[in-house]
Amino acid sequence: MNLTFIEIRVENFSFMKSSGIEKNAFDFGFSPRFKEGDAKDFIVSFEVKMEVFESQSVLETEIFGIFETEAEISEDFKNSTFPKINAPAIAYPFVRAFLSNFLLSAGHTPIKLPSINFSSIVNKEK
């Protein structure tokens, strides 16, 4: 089945001053979501919380990677590696670029987010 990356969409975003932050603290989660009534589209939701030590701020966001398939999404597809490993690996560089560019444009030192091994994360969850 062919998988097409459509776009990144920022759904929630917060950047606020905070006290007591830790240098380089980074919380990250992701999960595939399948829309009801749309048999060819799905979303990978990324949730990021990071503490920007230099500016004493906390950035929290939820970003969607939106994908489309050529055929209708089956249960086999939902349980395969595509939505759990491949799709997040395709969309994550765009999430990294967005957050780095936001910080740079806002006058802060951009943070280079760590590389993520999605395969390793999914295998640990099993």
Protein backbone atom coordinates (compact mmCIF):
# COMPACT_ATOMS: atom_id res chain seq x y z
CA MET A 1 0.00 0.00 0.00
CA ASN A 2 1.33 3.42 -0.92
CA LEU A 3 1.46 6.02 1.82
CA THR A 4 1.50 9.76 1.03
CA PHE A 5 2.48 12.44 3.52
CA ILE A 6 0.04 15.34 3.08
CA GLU A 7 0.98 17.96 5.69
CA ILE A 8 1.89 18.92 9.24
CA ARG A 9 -0.79 20.72 11.23
CA VAL A 10 -0.16 22.38 14.60
CA GLU A 11 -3.24 21.72 16.71
CA ASN A 12 -2.20 23.07 20.12
CA PHE A 13 0.73 25.30 21.00
CA SER A 14 1.90 26.98 24.19
CA PHE A 15 5.16 28.81 24.93
CA MET A 16 5.30 30.36 28.39
CA LYS A 17 7.79 31.55 30.97
CA SER A 18 8.19 29.12 33.83
CA SER A 19 10.18 28.82 37.02
CA GLY A 20 12.13 25.78 38.11
CA ILE A 21 12.77 24.30 34.72
CA GLU A 22 15.39 21.68 34.02
CA LYS A 23 18.01 22.07 31.33
CA ASN A 24 17.20 20.04 28.21
CA ALA A 25 14.07 18.37 29.66
CA PHE A 26 12.14 16.75 26.82
CA ASP A 27 8.91 14.71 26.90
CA PHE A 28 7.70 13.12 23.70
CA GLY A 29 4.81 10.92 22.66
CA PHE A 30 3.20 9.85 19.42
CA SER A 31 0.28 7.75 18.29
CA PRO A 32 -1.57 6.98 15.07
CA ARG A 33 -5.21 8.04 14.91
CA PHE A 34 -7.73 6.85 12.40
CA LYS A 35 -10.64 9.07 11.44
CA GLU A 36 -14.09 7.55 11.34
CA GLY A 37 -15.86 7.93 8.04
CA ASP A 38 -12.65 8.56 6.11
CA ALA A 39 -11.28 5.25 4.99
CA LYS A 40 -8.12 6.55 3.28
CA ASP A 41 -6.71 9.19 5.68
CA PHE A 42 -5.07 8.91 9.07
CA ILE A 43 -3.11 11.10 11.48
CA VAL A 44 0.00 10.63 13.55
CA SER A 45 -0.27 12.81 16.65
CA PHE A 46 2.97 14.09 18.19
CA GLU A 47 2.90 15.53 21.70
CA VAL A 48 6.00 17.46 22.72
CA LYS A 49 6.86 19.21 25.95
CA MET A 50 10.28 20.74 26.24
CA GLU A 51 11.90 23.16 28.58
CA VAL A 52 13.87 25.93 26.94
CA PHE A 53 16.51 26.51 29.60
CA GLU A 54 18.07 29.61 28.04
CA SER A 55 14.80 31.56 28.10
CA GLN A 56 13.33 29.89 31.22
CA SER A 57 10.31 28.84 29.18
CA VAL A 58 8.24 25.74 28.55
CA LEU A 59 7.01 24.82 25.10
CA GLU A 60 4.11 22.38 24.76
CA THR A 61 2.50 21.38 21.51
CA GLU A 62 0.45 18.78 19.72
CA ILE A 63 1.24 18.44 16.03
CA PHE A 64 -0.53 16.21 13.54
CA GLY A 65 1.16 14.53 10.60
CA ILE A 66 -1.58 13.86 8.07
CA PHE A 67 -1.29 10.91 5.69
CA GLU A 68 -3.30 9.44 2.87
CA THR A 69 -3.32 5.91 1.47
CA GLU A 70 -4.22 4.78 -2.02
CA ALA A 71 -6.55 2.04 -0.78
CA GLU A 72 -8.99 1.89 2.09
CA ILE A 73 -7.38 1.39 5.48
CA SER A 74 -7.87 -2.14 6.77
CA GLU A 75 -7.37 -3.62 10.22
CA ASP A 76 -4.21 -5.27 8.90
CA PHE A 77 -2.86 -1.84 7.94
CA LYS A 78 -3.77 -0.39 11.34
CA ASN A 79 -1.81 -3.17 13.04
CA SER A 80 1.16 -2.96 10.67
CA THR A 81 4.37 -0.97 11.05
CA PHE A 82 3.25 1.75 8.62
CA PRO A 83 1.15 3.87 11.02
CA LYS A 84 3.23 3.00 14.09
CA ILE A 85 6.80 3.28 12.76
CA ASN A 86 7.04 4.41 9.14
CA ALA A 87 4.58 7.31 9.22
CA PRO A 88 5.99 8.85 12.43
CA ALA A 89 9.51 8.52 11.01
CA ILE A 90 8.41 10.38 7.87
CA ALA A 91 6.65 13.22 9.72
CA TYR A 92 9.04 13.73 12.66
CA PRO A 93 11.67 15.74 10.73
CA PHE A 94 8.96 18.29 9.91
CA VAL A 95 8.02 18.52 13.60
CA ARG A 96 11.70 19.06 14.49
CA ALA A 97 12.06 21.76 11.82
CA PHE A 98 8.90 23.57 12.91
CA LEU A 99 9.97 23.75 16.57
CA SER A 100 13.52 24.80 15.75
CA ASN A 101 12.31 27.48 13.32
CA PHE A 102 9.72 28.75 15.83
CA LEU A 103 12.37 29.27 18.50
CA LEU A 104 14.74 30.95 16.06
CA SER A 105 12.00 33.26 14.72
CA ALA A 106 10.94 34.12 18.29
CA GLY A 107 14.49 35.27 19.10
CA HIS A 108 15.61 32.22 21.06
CA THR A 109 18.43 29.80 20.45
CA PRO A 110 16.96 26.96 18.42
CA ILE A 111 17.02 23.58 20.09
CA LYS A 112 18.02 20.54 18.11
CA LEU A 113 15.55 17.86 19.08
CA PRO A 114 16.95 14.36 19.47
CA SER A 115 16.64 11.73 16.81
CA ILE A 116 13.93 9.21 17.61
CA ASN A 117 14.12 5.49 16.86
CA PHE A 118 10.43 4.76 16.35
CA SER A 119 11.05 1.08 15.74
CA SER A 120 12.79 0.74 19.10
CA ILE A 121 9.97 2.54 20.93
CA VAL A 122 7.25 0.37 19.36
CA ASN A 123 9.22 -2.82 20.03
CA LYS A 124 9.63 -1.86 23.71
CA GLU A 125 5.87 -1.34 24.01
CA LYS A 126 5.26 -4.89 22.78
